């Protein structure tokens, strides 16, 4: 079995995109499973709505991270 048979394309974002923009994207696309974080043509991380939600759900999470680049909270 080849990887192309079990994988699917996903949207990509820059590692410099703000957390608030990514959070808004996931809010507007509730069935989206994640985004690949790409710098140039190199994948550098992944962000999922579940993990981002955990990071932002603490008492000051959104306030702390909203203006930071997604590279600070991605996997």
PDB file of N, CA and C in Angstrom:
ATOM      1  N   UNK A   1       0.847  -1.175   0.000  1.00  0.00           N
ATOM      2  CA  UNK A   1       0.000   0.000   0.000  1.00  0.00           C
ATOM      3  C   UNK A   1       0.897   1.244   0.000  1.00  0.00           C
ATOM      4  N   UNK A   2       0.544   2.203  -0.821  1.00  0.00           N
ATOM      5  CA  UNK A   2       1.304   3.435  -0.907  1.00  0.00           C
ATOM      6  C   UNK A   2       0.623   4.528  -0.100  1.00  0.00           C
ATOM      7  N   UNK A   3       1.417   5.466   0.383  1.00  0.00           N
ATOM      8  CA  UNK A   3       0.905   6.554   1.227  1.00  0.00           C
ATOM      9  C   UNK A   3      -0.183   7.355   0.516  1.00  0.00           C
ATOM     10  N   UNK A   4      -0.084   7.480  -0.795  1.00  0.00           N
ATOM     11  CA  UNK A   4      -1.090   8.266  -1.532  1.00  0.00           C
ATOM     12  C   UNK A   4      -2.489   7.669  -1.441  1.00  0.00           C
ATOM     13  N   UNK A   5      -2.593   6.391  -1.089  1.00  0.00           N
ATOM     14  CA  UNK A   5      -3.895   5.739  -0.970  1.00  0.00           C
ATOM     15  C   UNK A   5      -4.551   5.958   0.392  1.00  0.00           C
ATOM     16  N   UNK A   6      -3.765   6.338   1.383  1.00  0.00           N
ATOM     17  CA  UNK A   6      -4.336   6.536   2.721  1.00  0.00           C
ATOM     18  C   UNK A   6      -4.233   7.968   3.215  1.00  0.00           C
ATOM     19  N   UNK A   7      -3.654   8.838   2.398  1.00  0.00           N
ATOM     20  CA  UNK A   7      -3.516  10.236   2.800  1.00  0.00           C
ATOM     21  C   UNK A   7      -4.457  11.119   1.981  1.00  0.00           C
ATOM     22  N   UNK A   8      -4.607  12.345   2.446  1.00  0.00           N
ATOM     23  CA  UNK A   8      -5.417  13.308   1.691  1.00  0.00           C
ATOM     24  C   UNK A   8      -4.743  14.669   1.752  1.00  0.00           C
ATOM     25  N   UNK A   9      -5.044  15.492   0.762  1.00  0.00           N
ATOM     26  CA  UNK A   9      -4.494  16.846   0.735  1.00  0.00           C
ATOM     27  C   UNK A   9      -5.150  17.688   1.820  1.00  0.00           C
ATOM     28  N   UNK A  10      -4.402  18.624   2.334  1.00  0.00           N
ATOM     29  CA  UNK A  10      -4.935  19.540   3.328  1.00  0.00           C
ATOM     30  C   UNK A  10      -4.506  20.960   2.970  1.00  0.00           C
ATOM     31  N   UNK A  11      -5.160  21.927   3.534  1.00  0.00           N
ATOM     32  CA  UNK A  11      -4.769  23.317   3.319  1.00  0.00           C
ATOM     33  C   UNK A  11      -3.466  23.590   4.058  1.00  0.00           C
ATOM     34  N   UNK A  12      -2.769  24.601   3.603  1.00  0.00           N
ATOM     35  CA  UNK A  12      -1.496  24.960   4.220  1.00  0.00           C
ATOM     36  C   UNK A  12      -1.523  26.403   4.716  1.00  0.00           C
ATOM     37  N   UNK A  13      -0.676  26.677   5.694  1.00  0.00           N
ATOM     38  CA  UNK A  13      -0.516  28.030   6.222  1.00  0.00           C
ATOM     39  C   UNK A  13       0.958  28.287   6.468  1.00  0.00           C
ATOM     40  N   UNK A  14       1.295  29.538   6.556  1.00  0.00           N
ATOM     41  CA  UNK A  14       2.652  29.965   6.879  1.00  0.00           C
ATOM     42  C   UNK A  14       2.882  29.834   8.384  1.00  0.00           C
ATOM     43  N   UNK A  15       4.098  29.541   8.814  1.00  0.00           N
ATOM     44  CA  UNK A  15       4.372  29.490  10.253  1.00  0.00           C
ATOM     45  C   UNK A  15       4.248  30.855  10.923  1.00  0.00           C
ATOM     46  N   UNK A  16       4.145  31.913  10.126  1.00  0.00           N
ATOM     47  CA  UNK A  16       4.049  33.270  10.672  1.00  0.00           C
ATOM     48  C   UNK A  16       2.603  33.764  10.785  1.00  0.00           C
ATOM     49  N   UNK A  17       1.646  32.935  10.332  1.00  0.00           N
ATOM     50  CA  UNK A  17       0.241  33.316  10.425  1.00  0.00           C
ATOM     51  C   UNK A  17      -0.162  33.417  11.893  1.00  0.00           C
ATOM     52  N   UNK A  18      -0.969  34.408  12.212  1.00  0.00           N
ATOM     53  CA  UNK A  18      -1.381  34.637  13.605  1.00  0.00           C
ATOM     54  C   UNK A  18      -2.349  33.556  14.078  1.00  0.00           C
ATOM     55  N   UNK A  19      -2.251  33.202  15.342  1.00  0.00           N
ATOM     56  CA  UNK A  19      -3.111  32.199  15.958  1.00  0.00           C
ATOM     57  C   UNK A  19      -4.579  32.583  15.800  1.00  0.00           C
ATOM     58  N   UNK A  20      -4.912  33.846  15.973  1.00  0.00           N
ATOM     59  CA  UNK A  20      -6.302  34.293  15.869  1.00  0.00           C
ATOM     60  C   UNK A  20      -6.877  34.007  14.484  1.00  0.00           C
ATOM     61  N   UNK A  21      -6.079  34.134  13.437  1.00  0.00           N
ATOM     62  CA  UNK A  21      -6.535  33.862  12.074  1.00  0.00           C
ATOM     63  C   UNK A  21      -6.817  32.371  11.905  1.00  0.00           C
ATOM     64  N   UNK A  22      -5.942  31.541  12.439  1.00  0.00           N
ATOM     65  CA  UNK A  22      -6.126  30.089  12.344  1.00  0.00           C
ATOM     66  C   UNK A  22      -7.347  29.653  13.147  1.00  0.00           C
ATOM     67  N   UNK A  23      -7.520  30.220  14.329  1.00  0.00           N
ATOM     68  CA  UNK A  23      -8.675  29.890  15.159  1.00  0.00           C
ATOM     69  C   UNK A  23      -9.970  30.282  14.437  1.00  0.00           C
ATOM     70  N   UNK A  24      -9.973  31.422  13.790  1.00  0.00           N
ATOM     71  CA  UNK A  24     -11.148  31.871  13.036  1.00  0.00           C
ATOM     72  C   UNK A  24     -11.410  30.943  11.843  1.00  0.00           C
ATOM     73  N   UNK A  25     -10.354  30.469  11.205  1.00  0.00           N
ATOM     74  CA  UNK A  25     -10.503  29.524  10.093  1.00  0.00           C
ATOM     75  C   UNK A  25     -11.198  28.253  10.572  1.00  0.00           C
ATOM     76  N   UNK A  26     -10.734  27.701  11.682  1.00  0.00           N
ATOM     77  CA  UNK A  26     -11.344  26.481  12.205  1.00  0.00           C
ATOM     78  C   UNK A  26     -12.785  26.722  12.651  1.00  0.00           C
ATOM     79  N   UNK A  27     -13.076  27.884  13.178  1.00  0.00           N
ATOM     80  CA  UNK A  27     -14.451  28.210  13.570  1.00  0.00           C
ATOM     81  C   UNK A  27     -15.369  28.260  12.346  1.00  0.00           C
ATOM     82  N   UNK A  28     -14.851  28.761  11.232  1.00  0.00           N
ATOM     83  CA  UNK A  28     -15.633  28.859  10.002  1.00  0.00           C
ATOM     84  C   UNK A  28     -15.724  27.532   9.250  1.00  0.00           C
ATOM     85  N   UNK A  29     -14.804  26.610   9.545  1.00  0.00           N
ATOM     86  CA  UNK A  29     -14.751  25.303   8.879  1.00  0.00           C
ATOM     87  C   UNK A  29     -14.709  24.203   9.938  1.00  0.00           C
ATOM     88  N   UNK A  30     -15.822  23.937  10.616  1.00  0.00           N
ATOM     89  CA  UNK A  30     -15.813  23.012  11.754  1.00  0.00           C
ATOM     90  C   UNK A  30     -15.473  21.563  11.406  1.00  0.00           C
ATOM     91  N   UNK A  31     -15.582  21.174  10.158  1.00  0.00           N
ATOM     92  CA  UNK A  31     -15.254  19.798   9.774  1.00  0.00           C
ATOM     93  C   UNK A  31     -13.820  19.623   9.302  1.00  0.00           C
ATOM     94  N   UNK A  32     -13.043  20.692   9.337  1.00  0.00           N
ATOM     95  CA  UNK A  32     -11.652  20.639   8.898  1.00  0.00           C
ATOM     96  C   UNK A  32     -10.817  19.920   9.955  1.00  0.00           C
ATOM     97  N   UNK A  33      -9.988  18.972   9.531  1.00  0.00           N
ATOM     98  CA  UNK A  33      -9.230  18.154  10.493  1.00  0.00           C
ATOM     99  C   UNK A  33      -7.871  18.724  10.847  1.00  0.00           C
ATOM    100  N   UNK A  34      -7.373  19.685  10.083  1.00  0.00           N
ATOM    101  CA  UNK A  34      -6.084  20.275  10.405  1.00  0.00           C
ATOM    102  C   UNK A  34      -5.495  21.046   9.248  1.00  0.00           C
ATOM    103  N   UNK A  35      -4.400  21.703   9.536  1.00  0.00           N
ATOM    104  CA  UNK A  35      -3.672  22.484   8.537  1.00  0.00           C
ATOM    105  C   UNK A  35      -2.199  22.103   8.600  1.00  0.00           C
ATOM    106  N   UNK A  36      -1.576  22.013   7.435  1.00  0.00           N
ATOM    107  CA  UNK A  36      -0.133  21.805   7.381  1.00  0.00           C
ATOM    108  C   UNK A  36       0.543  23.161   7.427  1.00  0.00           C
ATOM    109  N   UNK A  37       1.569  23.261   8.229  1.00  0.00           N
ATOM    110  CA  UNK A  37       2.333  24.506   8.329  1.00  0.00           C
ATOM    111  C   UNK A  37       3.558  24.338   7.436  1.00  0.00           C
ATOM    112  N   UNK A  38       3.669  25.209   6.427  1.00  0.00           N
ATOM    113  CA  UNK A  38       4.698  25.085   5.399  1.00  0.00           C
ATOM    114  C   UNK A  38       5.524  26.363   5.344  1.00  0.00           C
ATOM    115  N   UNK A  39       6.835  26.203   5.355  1.00  0.00           N
ATOM    116  CA  UNK A  39       7.740  27.355   5.161  1.00  0.00           C
ATOM    117  C   UNK A  39       8.517  27.108   3.881  1.00  0.00           C
ATOM    118  N   UNK A  40       8.289  27.963   2.896  1.00  0.00           N
ATOM    119  CA  UNK A  40       8.838  27.695   1.565  1.00  0.00           C
ATOM    120  C   UNK A  40       8.104  26.487   1.010  1.00  0.00           C
ATOM    121  N   UNK A  41       8.818  25.451   0.695  1.00  0.00           N
ATOM    122  CA  UNK A  41       8.212  24.188   0.255  1.00  0.00           C
ATOM    123  C   UNK A  41       8.428  23.082   1.268  1.00  0.00           C
ATOM    124  N   UNK A  42       8.797  23.447   2.481  1.00  0.00           N
ATOM    125  CA  UNK A  42       9.147  22.460   3.500  1.00  0.00           C
ATOM    126  C   UNK A  42       8.076  22.422   4.586  1.00  0.00           C
ATOM    127  N   UNK A  43       7.514  21.242   4.850  1.00  0.00           N
ATOM    128  CA  UNK A  43       6.569  21.148   5.968  1.00  0.00           C
ATOM    129  C   UNK A  43       7.313  21.270   7.296  1.00  0.00           C
ATOM    130  N   UNK A  44       6.819  22.149   8.154  1.00  0.00           N
ATOM    131  CA  UNK A  44       7.482  22.375   9.443  1.00  0.00           C
ATOM    132  C   UNK A  44       6.594  22.041  10.630  1.00  0.00           C
ATOM    133  N   UNK A  45       5.319  21.751  10.383  1.00  0.00           N
ATOM    134  CA  UNK A  45       4.428  21.421  11.491  1.00  0.00           C
ATOM    135  C   UNK A  45       3.012  21.183  11.034  1.00  0.00           C
ATOM    136  N   UNK A  46       2.174  20.925  12.014  1.00  0.00           N
ATOM    137  CA  UNK A  46       0.759  20.704  11.775  1.00  0.00           C
ATOM    138  C   UNK A  46      -0.017  21.319  12.926  1.00  0.00           C
ATOM    139  N   UNK A  47      -1.196  21.789  12.620  1.00  0.00           N
ATOM    140  CA  UNK A  47      -2.061  22.340  13.669  1.00  0.00           C
ATOM    141  C   UNK A  47      -3.460  21.749  13.467  1.00  0.00           C
ATOM    142  N   UNK A  48      -4.023  21.252  14.552  1.00  0.00           N
ATOM    143  CA  UNK A  48      -5.373  20.678  14.506  1.00  0.00           C
ATOM    144  C   UNK A  48      -6.292  21.527  15.366  1.00  0.00           C
ATOM    145  N   UNK A  49      -7.584  21.542  15.049  1.00  0.00           N
ATOM    146  CA  UNK A  49      -8.502  22.356  15.846  1.00  0.00           C
ATOM    147  C   UNK A  49      -8.572  21.898  17.299  1.00  0.00           C
ATOM    148  N   UNK A  50      -8.433  20.600  17.522  1.00  0.00           N
ATOM    149  CA  UNK A  50      -8.506  20.088  18.891  1.00  0.00           C
ATOM    150  C   UNK A  50      -7.340  20.583  19.748  1.00  0.00           C
ATOM    151  N   UNK A  51      -6.126  20.450  19.219  1.00  0.00           N
ATOM    152  CA  UNK A  51      -4.954  20.874  19.995  1.00  0.00           C
ATOM    153  C   UNK A  51      -4.903  22.382  20.155  1.00  0.00           C
ATOM    154  N   UNK A  52      -5.307  23.110  19.128  1.00  0.00           N
ATOM    155  CA  UNK A  52      -5.342  24.565  19.241  1.00  0.00           C
ATOM    156  C   UNK A  52      -6.389  24.972  20.271  1.00  0.00           C
ATOM    157  N   UNK A  53      -7.526  24.296  20.259  1.00  0.00           N
ATOM    158  CA  UNK A  53      -8.577  24.579  21.231  1.00  0.00           C
ATOM    159  C   UNK A  53      -8.124  24.366  22.661  1.00  0.00           C
ATOM    160  N   UNK A  54      -7.359  23.310  22.893  1.00  0.00           N
ATOM    161  CA  UNK A  54      -6.826  23.053  24.235  1.00  0.00           C
ATOM    162  C   UNK A  54      -5.901  24.189  24.659  1.00  0.00           C
ATOM    163  N   UNK A  55      -5.041  24.615  23.755  1.00  0.00           N
ATOM    164  CA  UNK A  55      -4.103  25.696  24.058  1.00  0.00           C
ATOM    165  C   UNK A  55      -4.822  27.005  24.371  1.00  0.00           C
ATOM    166  N   UNK A  56      -5.905  27.274  23.637  1.00  0.00           N
ATOM    167  CA  UNK A  56      -6.608  28.543  23.795  1.00  0.00           C
ATOM    168  C   UNK A  56      -7.675  28.522  24.886  1.00  0.00           C
ATOM    169  N   UNK A  57      -7.995  27.347  25.410  1.00  0.00           N
ATOM    170  CA  UNK A  57      -9.102  27.247  26.353  1.00  0.00           C
ATOM    171  C   UNK A  57      -8.735  27.532  27.805  1.00  0.00           C
ATOM    172  N   UNK A  58      -7.471  27.697  28.085  1.00  0.00           N
ATOM    173  CA  UNK A  58      -7.116  28.038  29.467  1.00  0.00           C
ATOM    174  C   UNK A  58      -7.614  29.444  29.792  1.00  0.00           C
ATOM    175  N   UNK A  59      -7.531  29.814  31.048  1.00  0.00           N
ATOM    176  CA  UNK A  59      -8.091  31.092  31.489  1.00  0.00           C
ATOM    177  C   UNK A  59      -7.609  32.273  30.641  1.00  0.00           C
ATOM    178  N   UNK A  60      -6.334  32.323  30.340  1.00  0.00           N
ATOM    179  CA  UNK A  60      -5.785  33.443  29.564  1.00  0.00           C
ATOM    180  C   UNK A  60      -5.241  32.993  28.215  1.00  0.00           C
ATOM    181  N   UNK A  61      -5.574  31.782  27.793  1.00  0.00           N
ATOM    182  CA  UNK A  61      -5.011  31.201  26.578  1.00  0.00           C
ATOM    183  C   UNK A  61      -5.168  32.057  25.342  1.00  0.00           C
ATOM    184  N   UNK A  62      -6.390  32.456  25.037  1.00  0.00           N
ATOM    185  CA  UNK A  62      -6.614  33.242  23.829  1.00  0.00           C
ATOM    186  C   UNK A  62      -5.896  34.583  23.901  1.00  0.00           C
ATOM    187  N   UNK A  63      -5.963  35.221  25.041  1.00  0.00           N
ATOM    188  CA  UNK A  63      -5.306  36.515  25.218  1.00  0.00           C
ATOM    189  C   UNK A  63      -3.791  36.393  25.043  1.00  0.00           C
ATOM    190  N   UNK A  64      -3.223  35.312  25.557  1.00  0.00           N
ATOM    191  CA  UNK A  64      -1.774  35.114  25.459  1.00  0.00           C
ATOM    192  C   UNK A  64      -1.311  34.802  24.040  1.00  0.00           C
ATOM    193  N   UNK A  65      -2.096  34.011  23.311  1.00  0.00           N
ATOM    194  CA  UNK A  65      -1.629  33.485  22.027  1.00  0.00           C
ATOM    195  C   UNK A  65      -2.204  34.147  20.790  1.00  0.00           C
ATOM    196  N   UNK A  66      -3.269  34.936  20.893  1.00  0.00           N
ATOM    197  CA  UNK A  66      -3.969  35.429  19.705  1.00  0.00           C
ATOM    198  C   UNK A  66      -3.082  36.175  18.713  1.00  0.00           C
ATOM    199  N   UNK A  67      -2.100  36.912  19.179  1.00  0.00           N
ATOM    200  CA  UNK A  67      -1.241  37.678  18.275  1.00  0.00           C
ATOM    201  C   UNK A  67       0.110  37.036  18.011  1.00  0.00           C
ATOM    202  N   UNK A  68       0.279  35.811  18.488  1.00  0.00           N
ATOM    203  CA  UNK A  68       1.535  35.081  18.266  1.00  0.00           C
ATOM    204  C   UNK A  68       1.432  34.300  16.953  1.00  0.00           C
ATOM    205  N   UNK A  69       2.576  33.974  16.350  1.00  0.00           N
ATOM    206  CA  UNK A  69       2.538  33.153  15.139  1.00  0.00           C
ATOM    207  C   UNK A  69       2.161  31.711  15.487  1.00  0.00           C
ATOM    208  N   UNK A  70       1.515  31.059  14.550  1.00  0.00           N
ATOM    209  CA  UNK A  70       1.070  29.683  14.779  1.00  0.00           C
ATOM    210  C   UNK A  70       2.253  28.751  15.061  1.00  0.00           C
ATOM    211  N   UNK A  71       3.446  29.132  14.641  1.00  0.00           N
ATOM    212  CA  UNK A  71       4.630  28.294  14.888  1.00  0.00           C
ATOM    213  C   UNK A  71       4.902  28.113  16.377  1.00  0.00           C
ATOM    214  N   UNK A  72       4.370  28.982  17.220  1.00  0.00           N
ATOM    215  CA  UNK A  72       4.583  28.856  18.656  1.00  0.00           C
ATOM    216  C   UNK A  72       3.664  27.841  19.325  1.00  0.00           C
ATOM    217  N   UNK A  73       2.608  27.420  18.627  1.00  0.00           N
ATOM    218  CA  UNK A  73       1.682  26.467  19.230  1.00  0.00           C
ATOM    219  C   UNK A  73       1.451  25.216  18.383  1.00  0.00           C
ATOM    220  N   UNK A  74       2.068  25.125  17.217  1.00  0.00           N
ATOM    221  CA  UNK A  74       1.867  23.967  16.332  1.00  0.00           C
ATOM    222  C   UNK A  74       2.603  22.746  16.870  1.00  0.00           C
ATOM    223  N   UNK A  75       2.235  21.602  16.345  1.00  0.00           N
ATOM    224  CA  UNK A  75       2.950  20.355  16.640  1.00  0.00           C
ATOM    225  C   UNK A  75       3.979  20.117  15.575  1.00  0.00           C
TER     226      UNK A  75
END
